[in-house]
């Protein structure tokens, strides 16, 4: 997907998150144990203000310590609008300041994803964060709406090709060590081998010790730990899959 498409998705998903949150700020969020809707909103404010600061430090929104839930929603709306505006002023290859995720040496085709440290990389991250947290809030207050299928497929690619490698613990000794896991959705394939030196990923089908298959949106939320294993088809060694999912959870930081 291109930069403009990610901008539109971030704007739409962020608006939906705020609209859903109004329903019940005190509702517990089942996909984020221990959190309420207000906690998800507060977390999103921090993400948006941090991203705005990376794009333009002089325009970084300042939190003014609001305590009421109404004030928090107003703060969220301003933080979302500020980031939308900053993203609209940028080109995909514009450099951003501050730390950014480095996926490390993963096998990918040249030009398939935006480069780390750029506005294109950042907007991809923010569109995904807004979509997943919008789903969190909607699951807390009612029935979650659908995720964009194209964004979900790209989100699966981001989870496996960016988040997991960026936080990979090569010293871990568990059921995933040295094993290959297949992830499949709508004729898209990812095969990941958990080596001590890092994650080796291929987008070609082939042998795997275990695999998960599902529709894009459900599979994305499963990989993010938002949906149970019953929403996907699991084959092969379940011990490998359990260890793989624990590693995914550790990468969502």
Protein backbone atom coordinates (compact mmCIF):
# COMPACT_ATOMS: atom_id res chain seq x y z
CA UNK A 1 0.00 0.00 0.00
CA UNK A 2 1.18 3.53 -0.65
CA UNK A 3 1.75 6.47 1.69
CA UNK A 4 -1.58 8.17 0.97
CA UNK A 5 -3.49 4.95 1.60
CA UNK A 6 -1.81 4.56 4.99
CA UNK A 7 -2.65 8.19 5.80
CA UNK A 8 -6.31 7.58 5.04
CA UNK A 9 -6.34 4.40 7.11
CA UNK A 10 -4.72 6.10 10.09
CA UNK A 11 -7.21 8.97 9.95
CA UNK A 12 -10.23 6.66 9.63
CA UNK A 13 -9.14 4.13 12.26
CA UNK A 14 -8.18 6.87 14.72
CA UNK A 15 -11.57 8.53 14.34
CA UNK A 16 -13.36 5.21 14.86
CA UNK A 17 -11.35 4.55 18.00
CA UNK A 18 -12.43 7.87 19.50
CA UNK A 19 -16.05 7.34 18.51
CA UNK A 20 -16.14 3.89 20.11
CA UNK A 21 -14.39 5.06 23.28
CA UNK A 22 -17.15 7.58 24.01
CA UNK A 23 -19.52 4.67 24.66
CA UNK A 24 -17.91 3.58 27.94
CA UNK A 25 -14.50 4.80 29.08
CA UNK A 26 -14.64 2.52 32.13
CA UNK A 27 -15.26 -0.70 30.21
CA UNK A 28 -12.59 -3.37 30.75
CA UNK A 29 -10.73 -4.32 27.57
CA UNK A 30 -10.71 -8.13 27.26
CA UNK A 31 -7.87 -8.12 24.72
CA UNK A 32 -5.67 -6.02 27.06
CA UNK A 33 -6.10 -7.56 30.53
CA UNK A 34 -6.02 -4.99 33.30
CA UNK A 35 -6.79 -2.09 30.99
CA UNK A 36 -9.95 -0.06 30.57
CA UNK A 37 -10.98 1.84 27.46
CA UNK A 38 -9.54 4.98 29.06
CA UNK A 39 -6.15 3.24 29.30
CA UNK A 40 -6.23 2.41 25.58
CA UNK A 41 -7.09 6.02 24.77
CA UNK A 42 -4.29 7.30 27.01
CA UNK A 43 -1.82 4.90 25.41
CA UNK A 44 -2.89 6.06 21.95
CA UNK A 45 -2.37 9.71 22.91
CA UNK A 46 1.19 8.89 23.92
CA UNK A 47 1.83 7.06 20.64
CA UNK A 48 0.43 9.88 18.51
CA UNK A 49 2.29 12.64 20.34
CA UNK A 50 5.53 10.68 20.13
CA UNK A 51 5.05 10.14 16.39
CA UNK A 52 4.26 13.83 15.84
CA UNK A 53 7.45 14.71 17.69
CA UNK A 54 9.44 12.39 15.44
CA UNK A 55 8.07 14.13 12.37
CA UNK A 56 8.40 17.65 13.72
CA UNK A 57 9.84 18.22 17.22
CA UNK A 58 8.78 21.87 17.23
CA UNK A 59 5.14 20.83 16.71
CA UNK A 60 5.07 18.11 19.35
CA UNK A 61 1.70 18.31 21.20
CA UNK A 62 2.07 18.76 24.95
CA UNK A 63 -0.04 16.79 27.43
CA UNK A 64 -1.58 19.11 30.00
CA UNK A 65 -2.39 16.44 32.59
CA UNK A 66 -6.14 16.13 32.05
CA UNK A 67 -7.83 14.05 34.73
CA UNK A 68 -11.45 13.71 33.60
CA UNK A 69 -12.48 11.24 30.94
CA UNK A 70 -14.02 14.00 28.84
CA UNK A 71 -10.75 15.90 28.87
CA UNK A 72 -8.89 12.73 27.92
CA UNK A 73 -11.11 12.29 24.86
CA UNK A 74 -10.49 15.91 23.87
CA UNK A 75 -6.76 15.33 24.26
CA UNK A 76 -7.04 12.22 22.10
CA UNK A 77 -8.89 14.13 19.38
CA UNK A 78 -6.24 16.87 19.33
CA UNK A 79 -3.34 14.39 19.30
CA UNK A 80 -4.90 12.43 16.44
CA UNK A 81 -5.61 15.58 14.41
CA UNK A 82 -2.08 16.88 14.98
CA UNK A 83 -0.51 13.69 13.67
CA UNK A 84 -2.87 13.59 10.68
CA UNK A 85 -1.78 17.14 9.83
CA UNK A 86 1.93 16.38 10.19
CA UNK A 87 1.69 13.26 8.05
CA UNK A 88 -0.06 15.27 5.33
CA UNK A 89 2.91 17.65 5.19
CA UNK A 90 5.46 14.87 4.61
CA UNK A 91 6.72 12.73 1.77
CA UNK A 92 7.23 9.00 2.32
CA UNK A 93 11.03 9.23 2.27
CA UNK A 94 11.27 12.20 4.66
CA UNK A 95 13.56 11.34 7.56
CA UNK A 96 12.14 11.29 11.08
CA UNK A 97 13.91 11.94 14.37
CA UNK A 98 14.30 9.62 17.33
CA UNK A 99 14.43 5.87 17.59
CA UNK A 100 12.59 3.69 15.14
CA UNK A 101 12.23 -0.07 14.86
CA UNK A 102 15.01 -1.79 12.95
CA UNK A 103 13.84 -5.18 11.71
CA UNK A 104 17.40 -6.33 11.07
CA UNK A 105 18.42 -8.76 8.33
CA UNK A 106 15.19 -10.32 7.13
CA UNK A 107 14.76 -11.72 3.63
CA UNK A 108 12.51 -9.28 1.74
CA UNK A 109 12.17 -8.14 -1.83
CA UNK A 110 13.62 -4.72 -2.49
CA UNK A 111 11.07 -1.90 -2.33
CA UNK A 112 8.32 -3.94 -0.72
CA UNK A 113 8.12 -1.90 2.47
CA UNK A 114 9.04 1.62 3.60
CA UNK A 115 12.50 2.15 5.00
CA UNK A 116 12.92 2.48 8.79
CA UNK A 117 13.54 6.07 9.89
CA UNK A 118 11.17 7.55 7.31
CA UNK A 119 7.70 9.07 7.39
CA UNK A 120 6.49 6.15 5.25
CA UNK A 121 7.62 3.66 7.88
CA UNK A 122 6.03 5.71 10.66
CA UNK A 123 2.63 6.11 9.00
CA UNK A 124 2.50 2.37 8.38
CA UNK A 125 3.11 1.77 12.10
CA UNK A 126 0.54 4.34 13.19
CA UNK A 127 -2.16 3.03 10.84
CA UNK A 128 -1.64 -0.43 12.28
CA UNK A 129 -1.59 0.70 15.91
CA UNK A 130 -4.78 2.70 15.41
CA UNK A 131 -6.53 -0.27 13.75
CA UNK A 132 -5.58 -2.77 16.45
CA UNK A 133 -6.44 -0.45 19.32
CA UNK A 134 -9.70 0.51 17.64
CA UNK A 135 -10.50 -3.21 17.62
CA UNK A 136 -9.54 -3.36 21.32
CA UNK A 137 -11.98 -0.60 22.17
CA UNK A 138 -14.79 -1.97 20.01
CA UNK A 139 -14.39 -5.42 21.56
CA UNK A 140 -14.73 -3.75 24.96
CA UNK A 141 -17.90 -1.80 24.19
CA UNK A 142 -19.61 -4.00 21.61
CA UNK A 143 -18.98 -5.93 18.43
CA UNK A 144 -15.80 -4.93 16.60
CA UNK A 145 -16.17 -3.72 13.05
CA UNK A 146 -14.20 -5.25 10.17
CA UNK A 147 -10.54 -4.51 9.51
CA UNK A 148 -9.48 -3.54 6.00
CA UNK A 149 -8.32 -6.83 4.42
CA UNK A 150 -5.42 -5.27 2.52
CA UNK A 151 -4.21 -3.52 5.64
CA UNK A 152 -4.57 -6.75 7.62
CA UNK A 153 -2.33 -8.61 5.16
CA UNK A 154 0.22 -5.83 5.31
CA UNK A 155 -0.12 -5.91 9.10
CA UNK A 156 0.71 -9.61 9.17
CA UNK A 157 3.79 -8.82 7.11
CA UNK A 158 4.75 -6.06 9.55
CA UNK A 159 4.32 -8.29 12.61
CA UNK A 160 6.46 -11.04 11.13
CA UNK A 161 8.97 -8.93 9.21
CA UNK A 162 9.41 -5.91 11.52
CA UNK A 163 8.11 -6.33 15.08
CA UNK A 164 9.25 -9.90 15.73
CA UNK A 165 12.80 -9.42 14.33
CA UNK A 166 13.22 -6.03 16.03
CA UNK A 167 12.64 -7.55 19.49
CA UNK A 168 13.98 -11.01 18.78
CA UNK A 169 15.74 -12.88 21.58
CA UNK A 170 18.15 -15.23 19.89
CA UNK A 171 19.16 -16.69 23.24
CA UNK A 172 15.68 -17.96 24.05
CA UNK A 173 15.47 -21.71 24.60
CA UNK A 174 11.93 -22.83 23.92
CA UNK A 175 9.88 -24.92 21.56
CA UNK A 176 10.40 -22.48 18.68
CA UNK A 177 14.21 -22.55 18.71
CA UNK A 178 15.54 -23.86 15.42
CA UNK A 179 12.03 -24.59 14.14
CA UNK A 180 10.12 -23.27 11.15
CA UNK A 181 6.62 -21.80 11.44
CA UNK A 182 4.32 -21.20 8.48
CA UNK A 183 1.74 -18.40 8.42
CA UNK A 184 -0.80 -18.44 5.58
CA UNK A 185 -3.66 -16.18 4.52
CA UNK A 186 -5.44 -15.74 1.18
CA UNK A 187 -2.63 -17.26 -0.87
CA UNK A 188 -0.02 -15.21 1.00
CA UNK A 189 2.71 -17.16 2.77
CA UNK A 190 5.34 -16.45 5.39
CA UNK A 191 7.81 -19.05 6.68
CA UNK A 192 9.90 -18.10 9.68
CA UNK A 193 12.80 -20.06 11.11
CA UNK A 194 13.78 -19.14 14.67
CA UNK A 195 17.59 -19.25 14.55
CA UNK A 196 20.00 -18.13 17.28
CA UNK A 197 21.31 -15.41 14.95
CA UNK A 198 17.85 -14.05 14.17
CA UNK A 199 14.69 -14.74 12.22
CA UNK A 200 14.96 -16.02 8.66
CA UNK A 201 11.78 -15.26 6.72
CA UNK A 202 10.64 -16.39 3.30
CA UNK A 203 7.41 -15.57 1.50
CA UNK A 204 7.37 -18.87 -0.40
CA UNK A 205 5.35 -21.91 0.69
CA UNK A 206 7.32 -24.91 1.89
CA UNK A 207 8.05 -27.15 4.82
CA UNK A 208 7.14 -25.96 8.32
CA UNK A 209 7.14 -27.72 11.68
CA UNK A 210 3.84 -26.00 12.46
CA UNK A 211 1.53 -23.53 10.75
CA UNK A 212 -1.40 -21.20 11.27
CA UNK A 213 -3.88 -20.27 8.56
CA UNK A 214 -6.72 -17.79 8.66
CA UNK A 215 -8.57 -14.89 7.12
CA UNK A 216 -6.46 -11.70 7.12
CA UNK A 217 -8.25 -9.74 9.85
CA UNK A 218 -8.66 -12.65 12.26
CA UNK A 219 -5.10 -13.83 11.67
CA UNK A 220 -3.69 -10.35 12.29
CA UNK A 221 -5.56 -10.03 15.59
CA UNK A 222 -4.47 -13.56 16.54
CA UNK A 223 -0.82 -12.67 15.92
CA UNK A 224 -1.28 -9.54 18.04
CA UNK A 225 -2.71 -11.69 20.84
CA UNK A 226 -6.16 -10.10 20.48
CA UNK A 227 -8.01 -13.22 19.36
CA UNK A 228 -7.88 -16.85 20.56
CA UNK A 229 -6.39 -19.72 18.60
CA UNK A 230 -9.89 -20.88 17.67
CA UNK A 231 -10.12 -18.15 14.98
CA UNK A 232 -7.31 -19.75 12.94
CA UNK A 233 -6.49 -23.22 11.71
CA UNK A 234 -3.45 -24.72 13.47
CA UNK A 235 -1.48 -27.66 12.13
CA UNK A 236 1.74 -29.38 13.12
CA UNK A 237 3.53 -29.22 16.46
CA UNK A 238 1.37 -27.24 18.92
CA UNK A 239 4.35 -26.80 21.27
CA UNK A 240 6.13 -24.89 18.51
CA UNK A 241 3.07 -22.71 17.90
CA UNK A 242 2.68 -21.93 21.61
CA UNK A 243 6.34 -20.87 21.86
CA UNK A 244 6.00 -18.83 18.66
CA UNK A 245 3.00 -16.97 20.06
CA UNK A 246 4.88 -16.23 23.29
CA UNK A 247 7.68 -14.74 21.21
CA UNK A 248 5.16 -12.63 19.31
CA UNK A 249 3.72 -11.34 22.59
CA UNK A 250 7.21 -10.34 23.74
CA UNK A 251 7.71 -8.37 20.51
CA UNK A 252 4.58 -6.22 21.04
CA UNK A 253 6.35 -3.69 23.28
